C-alpha atoms as a PDB file:
ATOM      1  CA  UNK A   1     159.770  53.367  92.338  1.00  0.00           C
ATOM      2  CA  UNK A   2     158.877  56.987  93.122  1.00  0.00           C
ATOM      3  CA  UNK A   3     155.397  56.541  90.943  1.00  0.00           C
ATOM      4  CA  UNK A   4     152.329  56.315  92.905  1.00  0.00           C
ATOM      5  CA  UNK A   5     150.806  53.134  94.347  1.00  0.00           C
ATOM      6  CA  UNK A   6     154.053  51.216  93.385  1.00  0.00           C
ATOM      7  CA  UNK A   7     153.390  49.725  96.353  1.00  0.00           C
ATOM      8  CA  UNK A   8     149.541  49.001  95.732  1.00  0.00           C
ATOM      9  CA  UNK A   9     150.981  45.834  94.617  1.00  0.00           C
ATOM     10  CA  UNK A  10     153.371  44.680  97.366  1.00  0.00           C
ATOM     11  CA  UNK A  11     154.822  41.630  95.412  1.00  0.00           C
ATOM     12  CA  UNK A  12     155.403  43.194  92.286  1.00  0.00           C
ATOM     13  CA  UNK A  13     157.046  46.301  94.167  1.00  0.00           C
ATOM     14  CA  UNK A  14     159.396  43.537  96.142  1.00  0.00           C
ATOM     15  CA  UNK A  15     160.314  42.408  92.687  1.00  0.00           C
ATOM     16  CA  UNK A  16     161.290  45.899  91.496  1.00  0.00           C
ATOM     17  CA  UNK A  17     163.338  46.434  94.443  1.00  0.00           C
ATOM     18  CA  UNK A  18     164.838  43.405  94.273  1.00  0.00           C
ATOM     19  CA  UNK A  19     165.972  44.093  90.592  1.00  0.00           C
ATOM     20  CA  UNK A  20     167.261  47.229  91.553  1.00  0.00           C
ATOM     21  CA  UNK A  21     169.864  46.000  94.605  1.00  0.00           C
ATOM     22  CA  UNK A  22     170.927  42.864  92.029  1.00  0.00           C
ATOM     23  CA  UNK A  23     172.103  46.156  89.815  1.00  0.00           C
ATOM     24  CA  UNK A  24     172.653  48.426  92.610  1.00  0.00           C
ATOM     25  CA  UNK A  25     175.163  45.002  93.490  1.00  0.00           C
ATOM     26  CA  UNK A  26     176.876  45.485  90.064  1.00  0.00           C
ATOM     27  CA  UNK A  27     177.725  49.386  89.825  1.00  0.00           C
ATOM     28  CA  UNK A  28     177.823  50.594  92.908  1.00  0.00           C
ATOM     29  CA  UNK A  29     181.549  48.805  93.670  1.00  0.00           C
ATOM     30  CA  UNK A  30     182.763  50.175  90.593  1.00  0.00           C
ATOM     31  CA  UNK A  31     181.863  53.593  91.572  1.00  0.00           C
ATOM     32  CA  UNK A  32     183.372  53.411  94.494  1.00  0.00           C
ATOM     33  CA  UNK A  33     187.095  51.951  93.914  1.00  0.00           C
ATOM     34  CA  UNK A  34     186.257  54.445  90.976  1.00  0.00           C
ATOM     35  CA  UNK A  35     186.568  57.123  93.250  1.00  0.00           C
ATOM     36  CA  UNK A  36     188.490  56.220  95.608  1.00  0.00           C
ATOM     37  CA  UNK A  37     190.982  56.029  93.016  1.00  0.00           C
ATOM     38  CA  UNK A  38     190.872  59.518  91.893  1.00  0.00           C
ATOM     39  CA  UNK A  39     191.391  60.053  95.723  1.00  0.00           C
ATOM     40  CA  UNK A  40     194.659  57.912  96.379  1.00  0.00           C
ATOM     41  CA  UNK A  41     195.920  59.929  92.627  1.00  0.00           C
ATOM     42  CA  UNK A  42     195.371  63.065  93.847  1.00  0.00           C
ATOM     43  CA  UNK A  43     196.871  62.306  97.702  1.00  0.00           C
ATOM     44  CA  UNK A  44     199.960  60.660  96.117  1.00  0.00           C
ATOM     45  CA  UNK A  45     200.733  63.598  94.337  1.00  0.00           C
ATOM     46  CA  UNK A  46     200.568  65.793  97.500  1.00  0.00           C
ATOM     47  CA  UNK A  47     202.258  62.875  99.238  1.00  0.00           C
ATOM     48  CA  UNK A  48     205.305  63.564  96.541  1.00  0.00           C
ATOM     49  CA  UNK A  49     205.683  66.555  96.328  1.00  0.00           C
ATOM     50  CA  UNK A  50     205.892  67.311 100.318  1.00  0.00           C
ATOM     51  CA  UNK A  51     208.157  64.042 100.535  1.00  0.00           C
ATOM     52  CA  UNK A  52     205.761  62.552 103.313  1.00  0.00           C
ATOM     53  CA  UNK A  53     207.056  58.424 103.736  1.00  0.00           C
ATOM     54  CA  UNK A  54     204.502  58.056 105.774  1.00  0.00           C
ATOM     55  CA  UNK A  55     201.474  59.453 103.723  1.00  0.00           C
ATOM     56  CA  UNK A  56     202.980  56.903 100.665  1.00  0.00           C
ATOM     57  CA  UNK A  57     203.346  54.379 102.763  1.00  0.00           C
ATOM     58  CA  UNK A  58     199.498  54.811 103.643  1.00  0.00           C
ATOM     59  CA  UNK A  59     198.255  54.896 100.216  1.00  0.00           C
ATOM     60  CA  UNK A  60     199.879  51.297  99.488  1.00  0.00           C
ATOM     61  CA  UNK A  61     198.242  49.517 102.066  1.00  0.00           C
ATOM     62  CA  UNK A  62     194.413  51.547 100.695  1.00  0.00           C
ATOM     63  CA  UNK A  63     196.037  50.493  96.833  1.00  0.00           C
ATOM     64  CA  UNK A  64     196.060  46.541  98.634  1.00  0.00           C
ATOM     65  CA  UNK A  65     192.290  47.265  99.518  1.00  0.00           C
ATOM     66  CA  UNK A  66     191.263  48.127  96.717  1.00  0.00           C
ATOM     67  CA  UNK A  67     192.887  45.598  94.570  1.00  0.00           C
ATOM     68  CA  UNK A  68     190.880  42.954  96.360  1.00  0.00           C
ATOM     69  CA  UNK A  69     187.962  44.551  95.962  1.00  0.00           C
ATOM     70  CA  UNK A  70     188.492  44.826  91.854  1.00  0.00           C
ATOM     71  CA  UNK A  71     189.062  41.373  92.095  1.00  0.00           C
ATOM     72  CA  UNK A  72     185.445  40.871  93.690  1.00  0.00           C
ATOM     73  CA  UNK A  73     184.209  42.868  91.459  1.00  0.00           C
ATOM     74  CA  UNK A  74     185.835  41.202  88.706  1.00  0.00           C
ATOM     75  CA  UNK A  75     183.802  37.937  90.173  1.00  0.00           C
ATOM     76  CA  UNK A  76     180.486  40.073  89.771  1.00  0.00           C
ATOM     77  CA  UNK A  77     181.446  40.005  86.061  1.00  0.00           C
ATOM     78  CA  UNK A  78     181.160  36.767  85.784  1.00  0.00           C
ATOM     79  CA  UNK A  79     178.301  36.381  86.717  1.00  0.00           C
ATOM     80  CA  UNK A  80     176.466  37.167  82.909  1.00  0.00           C
ATOM     81  CA  UNK A  81     174.675  34.594  82.641  1.00  0.00           C
ATOM     82  CA  UNK A  82     170.851  34.882  81.532  1.00  0.00           C
ATOM     83  CA  UNK A  83     169.295  33.421  85.318  1.00  0.00           C
ATOM     84  CA  UNK A  84     172.528  34.796  86.873  1.00  0.00           C
ATOM     85  CA  UNK A  85     170.384  37.917  89.479  1.00  0.00           C
ATOM     86  CA  UNK A  86     167.503  35.326  88.929  1.00  0.00           C
ATOM     87  CA  UNK A  87     166.387  33.992  92.886  1.00  0.00           C
ATOM     88  CA  UNK A  88     166.786  30.209  93.049  1.00  0.00           C
ATOM     89  CA  UNK A  89     164.893  27.082  94.309  1.00  0.00           C
ATOM     90  CA  UNK A  90     168.106  25.400  96.690  1.00  0.00           C
ATOM     91  CA  UNK A  91     167.472  22.136  97.718  1.00  0.00           C
ATOM     92  CA  UNK A  92     169.665  19.023  99.724  1.00  0.00           C
ATOM     93  CA  UNK A  93     169.016  15.495  99.829  1.00  0.00           C
ATOM     94  CA  UNK A  94     171.802  12.884 101.811  1.00  0.00           C
ATOM     95  CA  UNK A  95     172.542  10.211 100.261  1.00  0.00           C
ATOM     96  CA  UNK A  96     172.665   6.342 101.241  1.00  0.00           C
ATOM     97  CA  UNK A  97     173.812   5.627 104.592  1.00  0.00           C
ATOM     98  CA  UNK A  98     171.144   6.579 106.963  1.00  0.00           C
ATOM     99  CA  UNK A  99     171.523   8.382 109.955  1.00  0.00           C
ATOM    100  CA  UNK A 100     175.103   9.515 108.624  1.00  0.00           C
ATOM    101  CA  UNK A 101     174.395  10.941 105.737  1.00  0.00           C
ATOM    102  CA  UNK A 102     171.459  12.843 107.078  1.00  0.00           C
ATOM    103  CA  UNK A 103     172.994  14.241 109.535  1.00  0.00           C
ATOM    104  CA  UNK A 104     175.247  15.173 106.942  1.00  0.00           C
ATOM    105  CA  UNK A 105     172.723  17.386 104.887  1.00  0.00           C
ATOM    106  CA  UNK A 106     171.449  19.137 107.756  1.00  0.00           C
ATOM    107  CA  UNK A 107     175.450  20.169 108.660  1.00  0.00           C
ATOM    108  CA  UNK A 108     175.321  20.845 105.107  1.00  0.00           C
ATOM    109  CA  UNK A 109     171.971  23.466 106.208  1.00  0.00           C
ATOM    110  CA  UNK A 110     173.783  24.645 108.615  1.00  0.00           C
ATOM    111  CA  UNK A 111     176.718  26.244 106.344  1.00  0.00           C
ATOM    112  CA  UNK A 112     174.715  27.029 103.748  1.00  0.00           C
ATOM    113  CA  UNK A 113     172.515  29.173 105.756  1.00  0.00           C
ATOM    114  CA  UNK A 114     175.436  30.677 107.411  1.00  0.00           C
ATOM    115  CA  UNK A 115     176.350  31.561 103.790  1.00  0.00           C
ATOM    116  CA  UNK A 116     173.283  32.755 102.757  1.00  0.00           C
ATOM    117  CA  UNK A 117     173.102  35.196 106.207  1.00  0.00           C
ATOM    118  CA  UNK A 118     176.994  36.242 105.458  1.00  0.00           C
ATOM    119  CA  UNK A 119     176.071  37.361 101.344  1.00  0.00           C
ATOM    120  CA  UNK A 120     172.822  39.122 102.512  1.00  0.00           C
ATOM    121  CA  UNK A 121     170.715  36.699 100.941  1.00  0.00           C
ATOM    122  CA  UNK A 122     166.759  35.918 102.398  1.00  0.00           C
ATOM    123  CA  UNK A 123     166.214  32.686 102.526  1.00  0.00           C
ATOM    124  CA  UNK A 124     162.850  30.522 103.479  1.00  0.00           C
ATOM    125  CA  UNK A 125     162.079  27.411 104.235  1.00  0.00           C
ATOM    126  CA  UNK A 126     159.558  25.607 101.542  1.00  0.00           C
ATOM    127  CA  UNK A 127     159.471  22.167 103.287  1.00  0.00           C
ATOM    128  CA  UNK A 128     162.152  19.790 105.087  1.00  0.00           C
ATOM    129  CA  UNK A 129     161.722  16.005 105.432  1.00  0.00           C
ATOM    130  CA  UNK A 130     163.852  15.336 108.882  1.00  0.00           C
ATOM    131  CA  UNK A 131     165.604  12.083 108.936  1.00  0.00           C
ATOM    132  CA  UNK A 132     164.989   8.592 110.819  1.00  0.00           C
ATOM    133  CA  UNK A 133     167.120   9.515 114.241  1.00  0.00           C
ATOM    134  CA  UNK A 134     168.983  13.058 113.278  1.00  0.00           C
ATOM    135  CA  UNK A 135     169.323  15.151 110.839  1.00  0.00           C
ATOM    136  CA  UNK A 136     167.658  15.721 107.696  1.00  0.00           C
ATOM    137  CA  UNK A 137     166.190  13.346 104.937  1.00  0.00           C
ATOM    138  CA  UNK A 138     166.202  16.261 102.406  1.00  0.00           C
ATOM    139  CA  UNK A 139     164.361  20.165 101.891  1.00  0.00           C
ATOM    140  CA  UNK A 140     164.630  22.714  99.568  1.00  0.00           C
ATOM    141  CA  UNK A 141     164.663  26.394 100.239  1.00  0.00           C
ATOM    142  CA  UNK A 142     164.177  29.231  98.299  1.00  0.00           C
ATOM    143  CA  UNK A 143     167.064  32.055  98.133  1.00  0.00           C
ATOM    144  CA  UNK A 144     166.646  35.520  97.582  1.00  0.00           C
ATOM    145  CA  UNK A 145     169.071  38.554  96.882  1.00  0.00           C
ATOM    146  CA  UNK A 146     171.932  39.619  93.978  1.00  0.00           C
ATOM    147  CA  UNK A 147     173.150  36.803  92.304  1.00  0.00           C
ATOM    148  CA  UNK A 148     171.268  34.344  94.022  1.00  0.00           C
ATOM    149  CA  UNK A 149     171.699  31.277  91.304  1.00  0.00           C
ATOM    150  CA  UNK A 150     174.338  32.027  89.917  1.00  0.00           C
ATOM    151  CA  UNK A 151     176.602  32.190  93.070  1.00  0.00           C
ATOM    152  CA  UNK A 152     174.525  28.986  93.682  1.00  0.00           C
ATOM    153  CA  UNK A 153     174.711  27.219  91.346  1.00  0.00           C
ATOM    154  CA  UNK A 154     178.536  26.707  91.930  1.00  0.00           C
ATOM    155  CA  UNK A 155     177.662  24.863  94.498  1.00  0.00           C
ATOM    156  CA  UNK A 156     175.262  21.931  92.439  1.00  0.00           C
ATOM    157  CA  UNK A 157     176.792  18.672  92.631  1.00  0.00           C
ATOM    158  CA  UNK A 158     177.777  15.647  95.520  1.00  0.00           C
ATOM    159  CA  UNK A 159     179.492  16.500  98.428  1.00  0.00           C
ATOM    160  CA  UNK A 160     181.150  14.160 100.693  1.00  0.00           C
ATOM    161  CA  UNK A 161     182.011  14.235 104.138  1.00  0.00           C
ATOM    162  CA  UNK A 162     184.910  12.168 106.021  1.00  0.00           C
ATOM    163  CA  UNK A 163     184.683  11.562 109.289  1.00  0.00           C
ATOM    164  CA  UNK A 164     184.778   9.375 112.775  1.00  0.00           C
ATOM    165  CA  UNK A 165     180.801   8.760 113.007  1.00  0.00           C
ATOM    166  CA  UNK A 166     179.521  10.522 116.623  1.00  0.00           C
ATOM    167  CA  UNK A 167     177.002   7.319 115.585  1.00  0.00           C
ATOM    168  CA  UNK A 168     179.005   4.591 115.698  1.00  0.00           C
ATOM    169  CA  UNK A 169     180.117   2.955 119.632  1.00  0.00           C
ATOM    170  CA  UNK A 170     183.115   1.837 118.029  1.00  0.00           C
ATOM    171  CA  UNK A 171     184.484   5.489 117.013  1.00  0.00           C
ATOM    172  CA  UNK A 172     185.544   4.266 113.614  1.00  0.00           C
ATOM    173  CA  UNK A 173     186.233   6.385 109.720  1.00  0.00           C
ATOM    174  CA  UNK A 174     182.853   7.249 108.500  1.00  0.00           C
ATOM    175  CA  UNK A 175     182.020   8.819 104.252  1.00  0.00           C
ATOM    176  CA  UNK A 176     179.237  10.043 103.914  1.00  0.00           C
ATOM    177  CA  UNK A 177     177.344  12.180 101.043  1.00  0.00           C
ATOM    178  CA  UNK A 178     174.726  14.557 100.494  1.00  0.00           C
ATOM    179  CA  UNK A 179     173.781  16.503  96.917  1.00  0.00           C
ATOM    180  CA  UNK A 180     172.943  20.191  96.591  1.00  0.00           C
ATOM    181  CA  UNK A 181     170.822  20.435  93.568  1.00  0.00           C
ATOM    182  CA  UNK A 182     169.929  24.424  92.420  1.00  0.00           C
ATOM    183  CA  UNK A 183     167.401  25.986  89.802  1.00  0.00           C
ATOM    184  CA  UNK A 184     166.371  29.078  89.092  1.00  0.00           C
ATOM    185  CA  UNK A 185     163.483  31.127  89.841  1.00  0.00           C
ATOM    186  CA  UNK A 186     160.892  31.720  86.575  1.00  0.00           C
ATOM    187  CA  UNK A 187     158.319  34.849  87.520  1.00  0.00           C
ATOM    188  CA  UNK A 188     156.714  34.312  84.160  1.00  0.00           C
ATOM    189  CA  UNK A 189     156.089  31.251  82.775  1.00  0.00           C
ATOM    190  CA  UNK A 190     158.715  30.142  79.458  1.00  0.00           C
ATOM    191  CA  UNK A 191     156.568  26.417  79.431  1.00  0.00           C
ATOM    192  CA  UNK A 192     153.206  25.300  79.380  1.00  0.00           C
ATOM    193  CA  UNK A 193     152.332  22.700  81.399  1.00  0.00           C
ATOM    194  CA  UNK A 194     149.215  20.542  80.743  1.00  0.00           C
ATOM    195  CA  UNK A 195     147.106  20.092  84.085  1.00  0.00           C
ATOM    196  CA  UNK A 196     146.211  16.237  83.164  1.00  0.00           C
ATOM    197  CA  UNK A 197     150.139  15.582  83.307  1.00  0.00           C
ATOM    198  CA  UNK A 198     150.024  16.707  87.379  1.00  0.00           C
ATOM    199  CA  UNK A 199     148.906  14.420  90.388  1.00  0.00           C
ATOM    200  CA  UNK A 200     148.335  16.615  93.507  1.00  0.00           C
ATOM    201  CA  UNK A 201     148.463  14.938  96.971  1.00  0.00           C
ATOM    202  CA  UNK A 202     147.976  17.128  99.818  1.00  0.00           C
ATOM    203  CA  UNK A 203     148.627  16.317 103.013  1.00  0.00           C
ATOM    204  CA  UNK A 204     148.665  17.553 106.927  1.00  0.00           C
ATOM    205  CA  UNK A 205     152.859  19.021 106.817  1.00  0.00           C
ATOM    206  CA  UNK A 206     155.826  17.538 109.205  1.00  0.00           C
ATOM    207  CA  UNK A 207     157.310  19.236 111.667  1.00  0.00           C
ATOM    208  CA  UNK A 208     157.640  20.663 115.389  1.00  0.00           C
ATOM    209  CA  UNK A 209     153.073  21.205 115.253  1.00  0.00           C
ATOM    210  CA  UNK A 210     152.322  25.105 116.281  1.00  0.00           C
ATOM    211  CA  UNK A 211     149.079  26.217 116.439  1.00  0.00           C
ATOM    212  CA  UNK A 212     148.747  25.302 112.331  1.00  0.00           C
ATOM    213  CA  UNK A 213     151.125  22.926 110.615  1.00  0.00           C
ATOM    214  CA  UNK A 214     150.238  20.269 111.605  1.00  0.00           C
ATOM    215  CA  UNK A 215     146.522  20.687 111.956  1.00  0.00           C
ATOM    216  CA  UNK A 216     144.928  21.276 108.169  1.00  0.00           C
ATOM    217  CA  UNK A 217     146.621  19.707 104.913  1.00  0.00           C
ATOM    218  CA  UNK A 218     147.664  22.347 104.084  1.00  0.00           C
ATOM    219  CA  UNK A 219     150.995  21.058 102.310  1.00  0.00           C
ATOM    220  CA  UNK A 220     151.007  20.190  98.655  1.00  0.00           C
ATOM    221  CA  UNK A 221     153.045  17.345  96.391  1.00  0.00           C
ATOM    222  CA  UNK A 222     152.536  17.451  93.099  1.00  0.00           C
ATOM    223  CA  UNK A 223     153.789  14.989  90.534  1.00  0.00           C
ATOM    224  CA  UNK A 224     154.608  15.638  86.528  1.00  0.00           C
ATOM    225  CA  UNK A 225     153.579  12.348  85.453  1.00  0.00           C
ATOM    226  CA  UNK A 226     155.547  12.564  81.935  1.00  0.00           C
ATOM    227  CA  UNK A 227     158.969  13.318  83.182  1.00  0.00           C
ATOM    228  CA  UNK A 228     157.879  11.552  87.292  1.00  0.00           C
ATOM    229  CA  UNK A 229     159.706  15.585  88.944  1.00  0.00           C
ATOM    230  CA  UNK A 230     158.175  16.020  92.144  1.00  0.00           C
ATOM    231  CA  UNK A 231     157.694  19.042  93.493  1.00  0.00           C
ATOM    232  CA  UNK A 232     156.427  19.741  97.088  1.00  0.00           C
ATOM    233  CA  UNK A 233     155.651  22.375  99.112  1.00  0.00           C
ATOM    234  CA  UNK A 234     155.087  23.561 103.032  1.00  0.00           C
ATOM    235  CA  UNK A 235     155.996  26.664 104.459  1.00  0.00           C
ATOM    236  CA  UNK A 236     152.586  28.681 103.616  1.00  0.00           C
ATOM    237  CA  UNK A 237     149.350  28.007 105.429  1.00  0.00           C
ATOM    238  CA  UNK A 238     147.220  28.161 102.639  1.00  0.00           C
ATOM    239  CA  UNK A 239     146.713  25.802 100.891  1.00  0.00           C
ATOM    240  CA  UNK A 240     146.220  27.148  97.581  1.00  0.00           C
ATOM    241  CA  UNK A 241     150.009  29.102  98.112  1.00  0.00           C
ATOM    242  CA  UNK A 242     151.462  26.057  98.621  1.00  0.00           C
ATOM    243  CA  UNK A 243     150.322  24.973  95.682  1.00  0.00           C
ATOM    244  CA  UNK A 244     151.733  28.409  93.541  1.00  0.00           C
ATOM    245  CA  UNK A 245     155.216  27.680  95.053  1.00  0.00           C
ATOM    246  CA  UNK A 246     155.405  24.281  94.147  1.00  0.00           C
ATOM    247  CA  UNK A 247     154.211  25.420  89.922  1.00  0.00           C
ATOM    248  CA  UNK A 248     156.934  27.898  90.161  1.00  0.00           C
ATOM    249  CA  UNK A 249     159.576  24.809  91.330  1.00  0.00           C
ATOM    250  CA  UNK A 250     157.695  22.535  88.604  1.00  0.00           C
ATOM    251  CA  UNK A 251     157.784  24.923  85.865  1.00  0.00           C
ATOM    252  CA  UNK A 252     161.986  25.909  86.656  1.00  0.00           C
ATOM    253  CA  UNK A 253     163.054  22.301  87.217  1.00  0.00           C
ATOM    254  CA  UNK A 254     161.114  21.575  83.599  1.00  0.00           C
ATOM    255  CA  UNK A 255     162.984  24.496  81.616  1.00  0.00           C
ATOM    256  CA  UNK A 256     165.607  23.397  83.194  1.00  0.00           C
ATOM    257  CA  UNK A 257     165.253  19.592  81.451  1.00  0.00           C
ATOM    258  CA  UNK A 258     164.459  21.727  78.760  1.00  0.00           C
ATOM    259  CA  UNK A 259     167.456  23.354  78.601  1.00  0.00           C
ATOM    260  CA  UNK A 260     169.719  20.005  79.611  1.00  0.00           C
ATOM    261  CA  UNK A 261     168.655  18.374  76.093  1.00  0.00           C
ATOM    262  CA  UNK A 262     169.995  21.711  74.003  1.00  0.00           C
ATOM    263  CA  UNK A 263     173.342  21.816  76.459  1.00  0.00           C
ATOM    264  CA  UNK A 264     175.541  18.970  77.260  1.00  0.00           C
ATOM    265  CA  UNK A 265     177.446  19.888  80.178  1.00  0.00           C
ATOM    266  CA  UNK A 266     174.831  20.764  81.803  1.00  0.00           C
ATOM    267  CA  UNK A 267     173.104  17.232  81.172  1.00  0.00           C
ATOM    268  CA  UNK A 268     176.521  16.082  81.880  1.00  0.00           C
ATOM    269  CA  UNK A 269     176.924  18.212  85.539  1.00  0.00           C
ATOM    270  CA  UNK A 270     172.776  17.045  86.271  1.00  0.00           C
ATOM    271  CA  UNK A 271     173.204  13.298  85.353  1.00  0.00           C
ATOM    272  CA  UNK A 272     176.303  12.722  88.226  1.00  0.00           C
ATOM    273  CA  UNK A 273     174.635  14.336  90.244  1.00  0.00           C
ATOM    274  CA  UNK A 274     172.083  11.796  89.964  1.00  0.00           C
ATOM    275  CA  UNK A 275     174.067   8.833  92.129  1.00  0.00           C
ATOM    276  CA  UNK A 276     174.765  10.102  95.114  1.00  0.00           C
ATOM    277  CA  UNK A 277     178.039   8.031  95.868  1.00  0.00           C
ATOM    278  CA  UNK A 278     181.538   7.511  95.414  1.00  0.00           C
ATOM    279  CA  UNK A 279     182.708   8.998  92.077  1.00  0.00           C
ATOM    280  CA  UNK A 280     180.606  11.568  91.314  1.00  0.00           C
ATOM    281  CA  UNK A 281     181.672  14.005  94.433  1.00  0.00           C
ATOM    282  CA  UNK A 282     182.924  17.682  93.750  1.00  0.00           C
ATOM    283  CA  UNK A 283     184.175  18.513  96.879  1.00  0.00           C
ATOM    284  CA  UNK A 284     185.577  16.473  99.693  1.00  0.00           C
ATOM    285  CA  UNK A 285     185.581  17.932 103.326  1.00  0.00           C
ATOM    286  CA  UNK A 286     188.259  15.666 105.917  1.00  0.00           C
ATOM    287  CA  UNK A 287     188.222  15.885 109.183  1.00  0.00           C
ATOM    288  CA  UNK A 288     190.076  12.167 109.942  1.00  0.00           C
ATOM    289  CA  UNK A 289     192.320  11.228 109.094  1.00  0.00           C
ATOM    290  CA  UNK A 290     193.447  15.477 108.128  1.00  0.00           C
ATOM    291  CA  UNK A 291     191.729  18.258 108.254  1.00  0.00           C
ATOM    292  CA  UNK A 292     191.059  19.313 104.402  1.00  0.00           C
ATOM    293  CA  UNK A 293     187.883  21.025 102.572  1.00  0.00           C
ATOM    294  CA  UNK A 294     188.934  20.398  97.949  1.00  0.00           C
ATOM    295  CA  UNK A 295     187.044  21.200  95.573  1.00  0.00           C
ATOM    296  CA  UNK A 296     187.714  18.482  93.158  1.00  0.00           C
ATOM    297  CA  UNK A 297     186.545  20.805  90.039  1.00  0.00           C
ATOM    298  CA  UNK A 298     189.008  23.338  91.068  1.00  0.00           C
ATOM    299  CA  UNK A 299     191.817  21.807  92.859  1.00  0.00           C
ATOM    300  CA  UNK A 300     190.716  24.525  95.335  1.00  0.00           C
ATOM    301  CA  UNK A 301     191.455  24.030  99.289  1.00  0.00           C
ATOM    302  CA  UNK A 302     192.055  24.872 102.775  1.00  0.00           C
ATOM    303  CA  UNK A 303     192.602  23.020 106.081  1.00  0.00           C
ATOM    304  CA  UNK A 304     190.073  25.666 107.731  1.00  0.00           C
ATOM    305  CA  UNK A 305     187.612  22.837 107.993  1.00  0.00           C
ATOM    306  CA  UNK A 306     185.219  24.464 110.373  1.00  0.00           C
ATOM    307  CA  UNK A 307     184.949  28.325 108.683  1.00  0.00           C
ATOM    308  CA  UNK A 308     184.577  26.329 105.646  1.00  0.00           C
ATOM    309  CA  UNK A 309     181.512  24.634 107.732  1.00  0.00           C
ATOM    310  CA  UNK A 310     180.327  27.834 109.321  1.00  0.00           C
ATOM    311  CA  UNK A 311     179.670  29.326 105.628  1.00  0.00           C
ATOM    312  CA  UNK A 312     183.149  30.845 104.368  1.00  0.00           C
ATOM    313  CA  UNK A 313     182.118  29.091 101.245  1.00  0.00           C
ATOM    314  CA  UNK A 314     183.256  31.872  98.655  1.00  0.00           C
ATOM    315  CA  UNK A 315     186.544  30.661  97.597  1.00  0.00           C
ATOM    316  CA  UNK A 316     184.958  28.523  96.407  1.00  0.00           C
ATOM    317  CA  UNK A 317     182.679  29.787  94.497  1.00  0.00           C
ATOM    318  CA  UNK A 318     184.636  32.305  93.099  1.00  0.00           C
ATOM    319  CA  UNK A 319     187.889  30.066  92.405  1.00  0.00           C
ATOM    320  CA  UNK A 320     184.677  27.222  90.224  1.00  0.00           C
ATOM    321  CA  UNK A 321     183.779  30.945  88.659  1.00  0.00           C
ATOM    322  CA  UNK A 322     187.103  31.404  87.351  1.00  0.00           C
ATOM    323  CA  UNK A 323     187.777  27.824  86.104  1.00  0.00           C
ATOM    324  CA  UNK A 324     183.972  27.745  84.572  1.00  0.00           C
ATOM    325  CA  UNK A 325     184.258  31.254  82.719  1.00  0.00           C
ATOM    326  CA  UNK A 326     187.988  29.810  80.897  1.00  0.00           C
ATOM    327  CA  UNK A 327     185.983  27.146  80.125  1.00  0.00           C
ATOM    328  CA  UNK A 328     183.259  29.021  78.183  1.00  0.00           C
ATOM    329  CA  UNK A 329     185.768  31.236  76.555  1.00  0.00           C
ATOM    330  CA  UNK A 330     187.531  28.378  74.729  1.00  0.00           C
ATOM    331  CA  UNK A 331     184.299  26.348  73.649  1.00  0.00           C
ATOM    332  CA  UNK A 332     183.640  29.837  72.273  1.00  0.00           C
ATOM    333  CA  UNK A 333     186.608  29.885  70.840  1.00  0.00           C
ATOM    334  CA  UNK A 334     186.396  26.183  69.495  1.00  0.00           C
ATOM    335  CA  UNK A 335     183.179  27.057  68.236  1.00  0.00           C
ATOM    336  CA  UNK A 336     184.411  30.716  66.490  1.00  0.00           C
ATOM    337  CA  UNK A 337     186.936  28.288  64.898  1.00  0.00           C
ATOM    338  CA  UNK A 338     184.743  25.591  63.996  1.00  0.00           C
ATOM    339  CA  UNK A 339     182.165  28.312  62.040  1.00  0.00           C
ATOM    340  CA  UNK A 340     185.771  29.566  59.907  1.00  0.00           C
ATOM    341  CA  UNK A 341     186.913  26.430  58.842  1.00  0.00           C
ATOM    342  CA  UNK A 342     182.514  25.639  58.015  1.00  0.00           C
ATOM    343  CA  UNK A 343     183.073  28.863  55.786  1.00  0.00           C
ATOM    344  CA  UNK A 344     186.138  28.073  53.912  1.00  0.00           C
END
């Protein structure tokens, strides 16, 4: 970064700055805890020599805080996958149910954008399809920051809401579904895409008007004919830039598709998400007849629904990371035993 001309290529420079931020987010907390432990050790020796009970009590309180910091460092250590530090494409799709599901998808969008802000994750909207009456039908964001994909990948799946519907004049209880999909962003091409396999459509961006957004056909939709994958982007004024961003999303989807073929667990996860309906949810948000949010994968739960809907989902992310780490360790141990048995 100190080299002359570093900022001559702003896009490349931002990639380096992002990489530095990610590395600092790993190293600095460890250094801070190590330094604090040395300071508390020295302070404890002095307090013990002087029989200073008040200072010793204060040291115990500080140790509790350090213990919580160590827990957070441990969680960061669980984010060691090859894509965990990458930026990602974060999508929300309303399930069957019309206005109810569209409104639920919009509530999830609010919850996640608040989570991004609380965790210093930058995001930009790439496209958004509004619901017919309320809420959103679907949206995709690009999220950038330390461990963006690693943490948000924990949210992939179907989310279920149970509440008294504000759209039902008889005040009946309704169940709504929405799906979250997360893909890592690949800067360098990892898969060749044949232009003959693509169908590109351009259209005027939907949204709140403005000086440009609805006046020119700058929005881009790309269909990969062999797989049927569709990606779209309307965030930029330039059709060229929207196409470039859409191609990045397509590349990410195709890479993940290839990995699914080699990874049965990931394939199972994505196929479960395919039907946005009963039996496939990873988490339930119940507002009536009682209040509770429960993750069905880890059994992590809380009665403070409003805090969760305000973006406080870190407990769910951490519990799933720990469970995933235990599963990975168990799979590795089983694979090692199998190899050992084959040798025998």
